[in-house]
Amino acid sequence: MKTRIKVLCADITTLEVDAVVNAANTRLLGGGGVDGAIHRAAGPELLEECRRLGGCPTGEAKITGGYHLPANHVIHTVGPVWKGGRSGEADLLECCYRRSLEVAAERGLTSVAFPSISTGAYRFPVEKAAGIAVRTIGDFLSDHPRMEVILCCFSESDRDVYRNALERWEKQEASASERE
């Protein structure tokens, strides 16, 4: 099976996709990291639309226009803060990816770019986050054959971690299909 997941090191605000995913805070009003970069690139209209949404709980996702971004839409999701791994962080991160993809599918979107959710200021270990991201996205794409996903990393070291996670997942999928 040829994967429809690509991993690259780039500025997510420059990608020409149907939607970029924003690793937002619960207020959706902009912040640091990728959240601030997306808000700056999209322009003040994004902030105005986000104000009308009334926030977003951790693990959920909401969609807005892309405004001045090359992407047509921004899907905002709120990742978990890492508290050592015993507070449901993995499940919440999985929800972020799944809910974002569900929102995209509901709108008929076929190309989505994700940042590395929760691995910056929220301190989720990048190796764990990459495995969760790749598995959740891969499982979702098996039921959505028209969709493609980009995992857009900020650093080359993160890109390498995500590429390794993708290679491991592809090998597992290949051996599972051989057993069927």
N, C-alpha and C. Protein backbone atom coordinates (compact mmCIF):
# COMPACT_ATOMS: atom_id res chain seq x y z
N MET A 1 0.84 -1.19 0.00
CA MET A 1 0.00 0.00 0.00
C MET A 1 0.88 1.25 0.00
N LYS A 2 0.64 2.14 -0.95
CA LYS A 2 1.39 3.40 -1.01
C LYS A 2 0.71 4.39 -0.08
N THR A 3 1.50 4.93 0.83
CA THR A 3 0.93 5.84 1.81
C THR A 3 0.61 7.20 1.18
N ARG A 4 -0.38 7.84 1.74
CA ARG A 4 -0.75 9.19 1.32
C ARG A 4 -0.40 10.18 2.42
N ILE A 5 0.66 9.84 3.16
CA ILE A 5 1.18 10.70 4.21
C ILE A 5 2.59 11.12 3.79
N LYS A 6 2.83 12.43 3.79
CA LYS A 6 4.16 12.95 3.48
C LYS A 6 4.67 13.67 4.72
N VAL A 7 5.97 13.58 4.93
CA VAL A 7 6.62 14.28 6.05
C VAL A 7 7.62 15.25 5.46
N LEU A 8 7.54 16.50 5.89
CA LEU A 8 8.51 17.48 5.41
C LEU A 8 8.82 18.53 6.47
N CYS A 9 9.89 19.24 6.25
CA CYS A 9 10.31 20.34 7.11
C CYS A 9 10.04 21.62 6.33
N ALA A 10 9.07 22.42 6.80
CA ALA A 10 8.66 23.62 6.07
C ALA A 10 7.91 24.56 6.99
N ASP A 11 7.58 25.72 6.46
CA ASP A 11 6.72 26.68 7.13
C ASP A 11 5.29 26.35 6.75
N ILE A 12 4.50 25.87 7.69
CA ILE A 12 3.14 25.41 7.40
C ILE A 12 2.27 26.52 6.81
N THR A 13 2.60 27.78 7.10
CA THR A 13 1.79 28.89 6.59
C THR A 13 1.98 29.12 5.10
N THR A 14 2.92 28.43 4.46
CA THR A 14 3.17 28.60 3.03
C THR A 14 2.59 27.46 2.19
N LEU A 15 2.00 26.46 2.82
CA LEU A 15 1.56 25.27 2.09
C LEU A 15 0.23 25.49 1.39
N GLU A 16 0.17 25.06 0.13
CA GLU A 16 -1.05 25.16 -0.66
C GLU A 16 -1.83 23.86 -0.52
N VAL A 17 -2.67 23.82 0.49
CA VAL A 17 -3.49 22.65 0.80
C VAL A 17 -4.91 23.14 1.08
N ASP A 18 -5.85 22.21 1.14
CA ASP A 18 -7.21 22.60 1.48
C ASP A 18 -7.29 23.18 2.89
N ALA A 19 -6.53 22.59 3.82
CA ALA A 19 -6.56 23.08 5.21
C ALA A 19 -5.22 22.84 5.88
N VAL A 20 -4.82 23.82 6.69
CA VAL A 20 -3.72 23.62 7.62
C VAL A 20 -4.34 23.47 9.00
N VAL A 21 -3.73 22.64 9.81
CA VAL A 21 -4.20 22.45 11.18
C VAL A 21 -3.38 23.36 12.08
N ASN A 22 -4.08 24.05 12.96
CA ASN A 22 -3.45 24.94 13.92
C ASN A 22 -3.44 24.28 15.28
N ALA A 23 -2.27 24.17 15.87
CA ALA A 23 -2.15 23.68 17.25
C ALA A 23 -2.45 24.87 18.16
N ALA A 24 -3.71 25.02 18.50
CA ALA A 24 -4.21 26.21 19.19
C ALA A 24 -4.29 26.01 20.70
N ASN A 25 -4.61 27.10 21.38
CA ASN A 25 -4.97 27.00 22.80
C ASN A 25 -6.49 27.01 22.89
N THR A 26 -7.03 26.77 24.06
CA THR A 26 -8.49 26.60 24.19
C THR A 26 -9.28 27.86 23.85
N ARG A 27 -8.65 29.02 23.89
CA ARG A 27 -9.38 30.25 23.57
C ARG A 27 -9.43 30.52 22.07
N LEU A 28 -8.55 29.89 21.29
CA LEU A 28 -8.45 30.06 19.84
C LEU A 28 -8.10 31.48 19.41
N LEU A 29 -7.50 32.25 20.28
CA LEU A 29 -7.25 33.66 19.98
C LEU A 29 -5.79 33.96 19.64
N GLY A 30 -5.06 32.95 19.22
CA GLY A 30 -3.66 33.14 18.86
C GLY A 30 -2.77 32.93 20.06
N GLY A 31 -1.51 32.74 19.80
CA GLY A 31 -0.55 32.50 20.88
C GLY A 31 0.84 32.45 20.30
N GLY A 32 1.68 31.59 20.85
CA GLY A 32 3.04 31.45 20.37
C GLY A 32 3.15 30.33 19.36
N GLY A 33 4.35 30.07 18.92
CA GLY A 33 4.62 28.94 18.03
C GLY A 33 3.82 28.97 16.75
N VAL A 34 3.36 27.80 16.33
CA VAL A 34 2.63 27.68 15.07
C VAL A 34 1.30 28.45 15.14
N ASP A 35 0.69 28.52 16.31
CA ASP A 35 -0.56 29.25 16.49
C ASP A 35 -0.37 30.72 16.12
N GLY A 36 0.65 31.34 16.67
CA GLY A 36 0.94 32.74 16.36
C GLY A 36 1.30 32.93 14.91
N ALA A 37 2.09 32.02 14.35
CA ALA A 37 2.50 32.13 12.95
C ALA A 37 1.29 32.06 12.01
N ILE A 38 0.37 31.15 12.28
CA ILE A 38 -0.83 31.02 11.45
C ILE A 38 -1.69 32.27 11.57
N HIS A 39 -1.90 32.76 12.78
CA HIS A 39 -2.70 33.97 12.96
C HIS A 39 -2.06 35.17 12.25
N ARG A 40 -0.75 35.33 12.35
CA ARG A 40 -0.08 36.45 11.68
C ARG A 40 -0.22 36.35 10.17
N ALA A 41 -0.02 35.16 9.62
CA ALA A 41 -0.07 34.98 8.17
C ALA A 41 -1.49 35.09 7.63
N ALA A 42 -2.47 34.64 8.38
CA ALA A 42 -3.86 34.66 7.92
C ALA A 42 -4.46 36.06 7.99
N GLY A 43 -3.98 36.87 8.91
CA GLY A 43 -4.50 38.23 9.05
C GLY A 43 -5.57 38.35 10.12
N PRO A 44 -6.02 39.58 10.38
CA PRO A 44 -6.94 39.85 11.49
C PRO A 44 -8.32 39.21 11.32
N GLU A 45 -8.68 38.88 10.09
CA GLU A 45 -9.98 38.24 9.87
C GLU A 45 -10.07 36.89 10.58
N LEU A 46 -8.94 36.19 10.65
CA LEU A 46 -8.94 34.90 11.34
C LEU A 46 -9.26 35.08 12.82
N LEU A 47 -8.66 36.05 13.45
CA LEU A 47 -8.93 36.32 14.86
C LEU A 47 -10.40 36.66 15.07
N GLU A 48 -10.97 37.45 14.18
CA GLU A 48 -12.39 37.82 14.30
C GLU A 48 -13.28 36.58 14.23
N GLU A 49 -13.00 35.69 13.27
CA GLU A 49 -13.81 34.47 13.17
C GLU A 49 -13.61 33.58 14.39
N CYS A 50 -12.38 33.47 14.86
CA CYS A 50 -12.10 32.65 16.05
C CYS A 50 -12.84 33.18 17.28
N ARG A 51 -12.94 34.48 17.41
CA ARG A 51 -13.69 35.06 18.54
C ARG A 51 -15.13 34.57 18.54
N ARG A 52 -15.72 34.46 17.36
CA ARG A 52 -17.12 34.01 17.26
C ARG A 52 -17.30 32.53 17.59
N LEU A 53 -16.21 31.75 17.52
CA LEU A 53 -16.32 30.31 17.80
C LEU A 53 -16.44 29.99 19.29
N GLY A 54 -16.02 30.89 20.15
CA GLY A 54 -16.17 30.67 21.58
C GLY A 54 -15.25 29.63 22.18
N GLY A 55 -14.08 29.45 21.60
CA GLY A 55 -13.11 28.51 22.16
C GLY A 55 -13.29 27.09 21.66
N CYS A 56 -12.44 26.21 22.18
CA CYS A 56 -12.43 24.81 21.75
C CYS A 56 -11.83 23.97 22.87
N PRO A 57 -12.49 22.89 23.27
CA PRO A 57 -11.92 22.03 24.31
C PRO A 57 -10.73 21.21 23.80
N THR A 58 -9.89 20.79 24.70
CA THR A 58 -8.75 19.93 24.36
C THR A 58 -9.26 18.65 23.69
N GLY A 59 -8.62 18.28 22.59
CA GLY A 59 -8.98 17.07 21.86
C GLY A 59 -10.04 17.28 20.79
N GLU A 60 -10.61 18.46 20.71
CA GLU A 60 -11.64 18.76 19.71
C GLU A 60 -11.04 19.59 18.57
N ALA A 61 -11.86 19.89 17.55
CA ALA A 61 -11.40 20.67 16.41
C ALA A 61 -12.53 21.52 15.86
N LYS A 62 -12.17 22.72 15.38
CA LYS A 62 -13.12 23.63 14.75
C LYS A 62 -12.46 24.22 13.51
N ILE A 63 -13.28 24.57 12.52
CA ILE A 63 -12.75 25.05 11.24
C ILE A 63 -13.11 26.51 11.00
N THR A 64 -12.18 27.22 10.36
CA THR A 64 -12.41 28.60 9.94
C THR A 64 -11.89 28.76 8.51
N GLY A 65 -12.08 29.95 7.97
CA GLY A 65 -11.47 30.28 6.70
C GLY A 65 -9.97 30.41 6.83
N GLY A 66 -9.27 30.39 5.71
CA GLY A 66 -7.82 30.55 5.71
C GLY A 66 -7.37 31.98 5.50
N TYR A 67 -8.28 32.82 4.99
CA TYR A 67 -8.02 34.24 4.77
C TYR A 67 -6.77 34.47 3.93
N HIS A 68 -5.72 35.04 4.45
CA HIS A 68 -4.54 35.39 3.64
C HIS A 68 -3.54 34.24 3.51
N LEU A 69 -3.87 33.07 4.01
CA LEU A 69 -3.01 31.89 3.83
C LEU A 69 -3.24 31.29 2.45
N PRO A 70 -2.28 30.55 1.90
CA PRO A 70 -2.54 29.79 0.68
C PRO A 70 -3.60 28.70 0.91
N ALA A 71 -3.70 28.20 2.12
CA ALA A 71 -4.71 27.19 2.47
C ALA A 71 -6.08 27.84 2.52
N ASN A 72 -7.09 27.12 2.08
CA ASN A 72 -8.46 27.64 2.09
C ASN A 72 -9.06 27.68 3.48
N HIS A 73 -8.61 26.80 4.36
CA HIS A 73 -9.19 26.68 5.69
C HIS A 73 -8.10 26.48 6.74
N VAL A 74 -8.46 26.81 7.97
CA VAL A 74 -7.64 26.47 9.13
C VAL A 74 -8.51 25.60 10.04
N ILE A 75 -7.99 24.44 10.39
CA ILE A 75 -8.66 23.58 11.37
C ILE A 75 -7.90 23.75 12.68
N HIS A 76 -8.59 24.28 13.67
CA HIS A 76 -7.98 24.55 14.97
C HIS A 76 -8.23 23.36 15.89
N THR A 77 -7.18 22.84 16.48
CA THR A 77 -7.33 21.77 17.47
C THR A 77 -6.47 22.10 18.68
N VAL A 78 -6.92 21.64 19.82
CA VAL A 78 -6.22 21.95 21.07
C VAL A 78 -5.59 20.67 21.61
N GLY A 79 -4.28 20.62 21.56
CA GLY A 79 -3.55 19.46 22.03
C GLY A 79 -3.39 19.46 23.54
N PRO A 80 -3.08 18.30 24.10
CA PRO A 80 -2.90 18.19 25.55
C PRO A 80 -1.53 18.70 26.00
N VAL A 81 -1.50 19.23 27.21
CA VAL A 81 -0.23 19.55 27.86
C VAL A 81 0.31 18.25 28.45
N TRP A 82 1.58 17.94 28.21
CA TRP A 82 2.20 16.72 28.73
C TRP A 82 2.37 16.84 30.24
N LYS A 83 1.80 15.87 30.97
CA LYS A 83 1.90 15.85 32.43
C LYS A 83 2.51 14.54 32.90
N GLY A 84 3.34 13.94 32.07
CA GLY A 84 4.01 12.70 32.44
C GLY A 84 3.41 11.47 31.80
N GLY A 85 2.30 11.60 31.11
CA GLY A 85 1.72 10.48 30.38
C GLY A 85 0.65 9.71 31.10
N ARG A 86 0.28 10.12 32.30
CA ARG A 86 -0.72 9.37 33.07
C ARG A 86 -2.04 10.12 33.21
N SER A 87 -2.21 11.16 32.40
CA SER A 87 -3.42 11.97 32.49
C SER A 87 -4.23 11.94 31.20
N GLY A 88 -4.10 10.86 30.44
CA GLY A 88 -4.87 10.71 29.21
C GLY A 88 -4.33 11.51 28.04
N GLU A 89 -3.08 11.96 28.13
CA GLU A 89 -2.52 12.80 27.07
C GLU A 89 -2.50 12.09 25.71
N ALA A 90 -2.14 10.82 25.68
CA ALA A 90 -2.06 10.09 24.40
C ALA A 90 -3.44 10.02 23.74
N ASP A 91 -4.46 9.70 24.52
CA ASP A 91 -5.82 9.63 23.96
C ASP A 91 -6.27 10.99 23.45
N LEU A 92 -5.96 12.05 24.19
CA LEU A 92 -6.35 13.39 23.76
C LEU A 92 -5.62 13.80 22.49
N LEU A 93 -4.35 13.45 22.37
CA LEU A 93 -3.61 13.78 21.15
C LEU A 93 -4.19 13.02 19.96
N GLU A 94 -4.51 11.75 20.17
CA GLU A 94 -5.15 10.97 19.11
C GLU A 94 -6.45 11.64 18.68
N CYS A 95 -7.23 12.11 19.64
CA CYS A 95 -8.49 12.81 19.34
C CYS A 95 -8.24 14.05 18.48
N CYS A 96 -7.17 14.79 18.77
CA CYS A 96 -6.85 15.98 17.98
C CYS A 96 -6.70 15.63 16.50
N TYR A 97 -5.92 14.61 16.21
CA TYR A 97 -5.70 14.22 14.83
C TYR A 97 -6.99 13.68 14.20
N ARG A 98 -7.68 12.80 14.91
CA ARG A 98 -8.89 12.20 14.36
C ARG A 98 -9.98 13.24 14.12
N ARG A 99 -10.23 14.10 15.11
CA ARG A 99 -11.28 15.12 14.97
C ARG A 99 -10.95 16.11 13.86
N SER A 100 -9.68 16.47 13.74
CA SER A 100 -9.28 17.38 12.65
C SER A 100 -9.56 16.75 11.29
N LEU A 101 -9.24 15.48 11.15
CA LEU A 101 -9.50 14.78 9.89
C LEU A 101 -10.99 14.60 9.65
N GLU A 102 -11.75 14.34 10.69
CA GLU A 102 -13.20 14.23 10.54
C GLU A 102 -13.80 15.55 10.06
N VAL A 103 -13.36 16.65 10.64
CA VAL A 103 -13.83 17.97 10.22
C VAL A 103 -13.49 18.20 8.74
N ALA A 104 -12.28 17.84 8.34
CA ALA A 104 -11.88 17.99 6.94
C ALA A 104 -12.75 17.13 6.03
N ALA A 105 -12.98 15.89 6.41
CA ALA A 105 -13.79 14.98 5.60
C ALA A 105 -15.23 15.47 5.48
N GLU A 106 -15.78 16.00 6.57
CA GLU A 106 -17.15 16.53 6.54
C GLU A 106 -17.29 17.66 5.53
N ARG A 107 -16.23 18.41 5.30
CA ARG A 107 -16.22 19.52 4.34
C ARG A 107 -15.78 19.09 2.95
N GLY A 108 -15.44 17.82 2.77
CA GLY A 108 -14.99 17.33 1.47
C GLY A 108 -13.57 17.74 1.12
N LEU A 109 -12.77 18.09 2.12
CA LEU A 109 -11.39 18.50 1.87
C LEU A 109 -10.52 17.28 1.59
N THR A 110 -9.55 17.43 0.72
CA THR A 110 -8.73 16.28 0.34
C THR A 110 -7.24 16.43 0.65
N SER A 111 -6.82 17.61 1.08
CA SER A 111 -5.41 17.78 1.46
C SER A 111 -5.32 18.59 2.75
N VAL A 112 -4.64 18.00 3.73
CA VAL A 112 -4.55 18.60 5.07
C VAL A 112 -3.10 18.55 5.52
N ALA A 113 -2.63 19.65 6.10
CA ALA A 113 -1.27 19.70 6.65
C ALA A 113 -1.33 19.90 8.15
N PHE A 114 -0.64 19.05 8.88
CA PHE A 114 -0.57 19.10 10.34
C PHE A 114 0.80 19.57 10.80
N PRO A 115 0.84 20.36 11.87
CA PRO A 115 2.10 20.58 12.57
C PRO A 115 2.30 19.43 13.55
N SER A 116 3.37 19.46 14.28
CA SER A 116 3.62 18.47 15.33
C SER A 116 2.89 18.96 16.59
N ILE A 117 1.67 18.50 16.76
CA ILE A 117 0.78 19.00 17.82
C ILE A 117 1.32 18.64 19.20
N SER A 118 1.34 19.63 20.07
CA SER A 118 1.68 19.50 21.51
C SER A 118 3.15 19.27 21.82
N THR A 119 4.03 19.25 20.81
CA THR A 119 5.43 18.92 21.10
C THR A 119 6.29 20.14 21.41
N GLY A 120 5.75 21.33 21.28
CA GLY A 120 6.51 22.54 21.60
C GLY A 120 6.32 22.91 23.06
N ALA A 121 5.62 24.01 23.28
CA ALA A 121 5.41 24.53 24.64
C ALA A 121 4.66 23.54 25.53
N TYR A 122 3.86 22.64 24.92
CA TYR A 122 3.09 21.67 25.72
C TYR A 122 3.91 20.43 26.08
N ARG A 123 5.14 20.33 25.57
CA ARG A 123 6.16 19.36 25.99
C ARG A 123 5.82 17.88 25.79
N PHE A 124 4.90 17.55 24.89
CA PHE A 124 4.63 16.14 24.59
C PHE A 124 5.88 15.58 23.91
N PRO A 125 6.41 14.44 24.37
CA PRO A 125 7.62 13.87 23.74
C PRO A 125 7.40 13.60 22.25
N VAL A 126 8.29 14.13 21.42
CA VAL A 126 8.09 14.07 19.98
C VAL A 126 8.02 12.63 19.46
N GLU A 127 8.79 11.70 20.03
CA GLU A 127 8.75 10.31 19.56
C GLU A 127 7.37 9.70 19.79
N LYS A 128 6.81 9.94 20.97
CA LYS A 128 5.46 9.43 21.26
C LYS A 128 4.42 10.11 20.37
N ALA A 129 4.54 11.43 20.23
CA ALA A 129 3.59 12.19 19.43
C ALA A 129 3.61 11.73 17.97
N ALA A 130 4.79 11.48 17.43
CA ALA A 130 4.91 11.05 16.04
C ALA A 130 4.22 9.71 15.81
N GLY A 131 4.42 8.77 16.73
CA GLY A 131 3.77 7.47 16.60
C GLY A 131 2.25 7.59 16.63
N ILE A 132 1.74 8.40 17.54
CA ILE A 132 0.30 8.61 17.65
C ILE A 132 -0.23 9.26 16.38
N ALA A 133 0.47 10.28 15.89
CA ALA A 133 0.03 10.99 14.69
C ALA A 133 -0.04 10.06 13.49
N VAL A 134 1.04 9.35 13.23
CA VAL A 134 1.10 8.49 12.05
C VAL A 134 0.05 7.38 12.12
N ARG A 135 -0.08 6.73 13.27
CA ARG A 135 -1.06 5.65 13.41
C ARG A 135 -2.49 6.18 13.21
N THR A 136 -2.81 7.29 13.84
CA THR A 136 -4.17 7.83 13.76
C THR A 136 -4.50 8.28 12.34
N ILE A 137 -3.57 8.99 11.72
CA ILE A 137 -3.78 9.45 10.35
C ILE A 137 -3.86 8.26 9.39
N GLY A 138 -2.95 7.31 9.53
CA GLY A 138 -2.96 6.14 8.66
C GLY A 138 -4.25 5.36 8.75
N ASP A 139 -4.74 5.15 9.96
CA ASP A 139 -6.01 4.43 10.15
C ASP A 139 -7.15 5.20 9.50
N PHE A 140 -7.17 6.52 9.67
CA PHE A 140 -8.23 7.34 9.09
C PHE A 140 -8.19 7.28 7.56
N LEU A 141 -7.01 7.39 6.99
CA LEU A 141 -6.89 7.41 5.53
C LEU A 141 -7.30 6.09 4.90
N SER A 142 -7.23 4.99 5.64
CA SER A 142 -7.65 3.71 5.08
C SER A 142 -9.14 3.72 4.74
N ASP A 143 -9.91 4.58 5.40
CA ASP A 143 -11.34 4.71 5.10
C ASP A 143 -11.66 5.94 4.27
N HIS A 144 -10.66 6.73 3.92
CA HIS A 144 -10.86 7.97 3.16
C HIS A 144 -9.83 8.03 2.03
N PRO A 145 -10.07 7.28 0.94
CA PRO A 145 -9.06 7.10 -0.09
C PRO A 145 -8.68 8.35 -0.89
N ARG A 146 -9.47 9.40 -0.82
CA ARG A 146 -9.16 10.60 -1.60
C ARG A 146 -8.31 11.61 -0.83
N MET A 147 -8.13 11.41 0.46
CA MET A 147 -7.45 12.40 1.28
C MET A 147 -5.94 12.15 1.33
N GLU A 148 -5.18 13.25 1.35
CA GLU A 148 -3.74 13.19 1.54
C GLU A 148 -3.37 14.10 2.70
N VAL A 149 -2.32 13.71 3.43
CA VAL A 149 -1.92 14.45 4.63
C VAL A 149 -0.42 14.75 4.57
N ILE A 150 -0.09 15.96 4.95
CA ILE A 150 1.30 16.37 5.12
C ILE A 150 1.55 16.55 6.61
N LEU A 151 2.60 15.94 7.12
CA LEU A 151 3.07 16.21 8.47
C LEU A 151 4.21 17.21 8.33
N CYS A 152 3.95 18.44 8.70
CA CYS A 152 4.86 19.55 8.47
C CYS A 152 5.62 19.85 9.76
N CYS A 153 6.90 19.56 9.75
CA CYS A 153 7.72 19.73 10.95
C CYS A 153 8.51 21.03 10.90
N PHE A 154 8.75 21.58 12.07
CA PHE A 154 9.47 22.84 12.20
C PHE A 154 10.98 22.64 12.09
N SER A 155 11.46 21.51 12.57
CA SER A 155 12.91 21.26 12.56
C SER A 155 13.23 19.98 11.79
N GLU A 156 14.46 19.89 11.32
CA GLU A 156 14.88 18.68 10.63
C GLU A 156 14.91 17.48 11.57
N SER A 157 15.25 17.72 12.84
CA SER A 157 15.28 16.60 13.79
C SER A 157 13.87 16.05 14.01
N ASP A 158 12.86 16.93 14.12
CA ASP A 158 11.48 16.45 14.23
C ASP A 158 11.05 15.73 12.96
N ARG A 159 11.44 16.27 11.80
CA ARG A 159 11.10 15.62 10.54
C ARG A 159 11.64 14.20 10.51
N ASP A 160 12.86 14.01 10.97
CA ASP A 160 13.46 12.68 10.99
C ASP A 160 12.69 11.73 11.91
N VAL A 161 12.25 12.23 13.05
CA VAL A 161 11.47 11.41 13.99
C VAL A 161 10.15 10.99 13.33
N TYR A 162 9.47 11.92 12.67
CA TYR A 162 8.20 11.60 12.01
C TYR A 162 8.40 10.66 10.83
N ARG A 163 9.48 10.84 10.07
CA ARG A 163 9.76 9.92 8.96
C ARG A 163 10.00 8.51 9.48
N ASN A 164 10.75 8.39 10.57
CA ASN A 164 10.99 7.07 11.15
C ASN A 164 9.69 6.44 11.64
N ALA A 165 8.83 7.23 12.26
CA ALA A 165 7.53 6.71 12.72
C ALA A 165 6.69 6.25 11.53
N LEU A 166 6.72 7.01 10.44
CA LEU A 166 5.97 6.63 9.24
C LEU A 166 6.52 5.34 8.64
N GLU A 167 7.83 5.21 8.58
CA GLU A 167 8.43 3.98 8.04
C GLU A 167 8.06 2.77 8.89
N ARG A 168 8.08 2.92 10.22
CA ARG A 168 7.69 1.81 11.10
C ARG A 168 6.23 1.43 10.87
N TRP A 169 5.37 2.42 10.76
CA TRP A 169 3.94 2.16 10.54
C TRP A 169 3.72 1.46 9.20
N GLU A 170 4.40 1.93 8.15
CA GLU A 170 4.26 1.31 6.83
C GLU A 170 4.69 -0.15 6.85
N LYS A 171 5.77 -0.47 7.56
CA LYS A 171 6.22 -1.86 7.67
C LYS A 171 5.20 -2.71 8.41
N GLN A 172 4.64 -2.17 9.49
CA GLN A 172 3.61 -2.90 10.24
C GLN A 172 2.39 -3.16 9.36
N GLU A 173 1.98 -2.15 8.60
CA GLU A 173 0.82 -2.31 7.71
C GLU A 173 1.10 -3.34 6.63
N ALA A 174 2.30 -3.32 6.07
CA ALA A 174 2.66 -4.27 5.02
C ALA A 174 2.65 -5.69 5.56
N SER A 175 3.20 -5.90 6.75
CA SER A 175 3.22 -7.26 7.30
C SER A 175 1.82 -7.70 7.72
N ALA A 176 0.99 -6.77 8.16
CA ALA A 176 -0.40 -7.13 8.51
C ALA A 176 -1.18 -7.54 7.27
N SER A 177 -0.97 -6.85 6.15
CA SER A 177 -1.71 -7.20 4.94
C SER A 177 -1.20 -8.50 4.34
N GLU A 178 0.07 -8.84 4.57
CA GLU A 178 0.60 -10.13 4.10
C GLU A 178 -0.03 -11.29 4.86
N ARG A 179 -0.38 -11.04 6.13
CA ARG A 179 -0.99 -12.11 6.94
C ARG A 179 -2.46 -12.34 6.59
N GLU A 180 -3.08 -11.36 5.94
CA GLU A 180 -4.51 -11.49 5.62
C GLU A 180 -4.77 -12.41 4.47
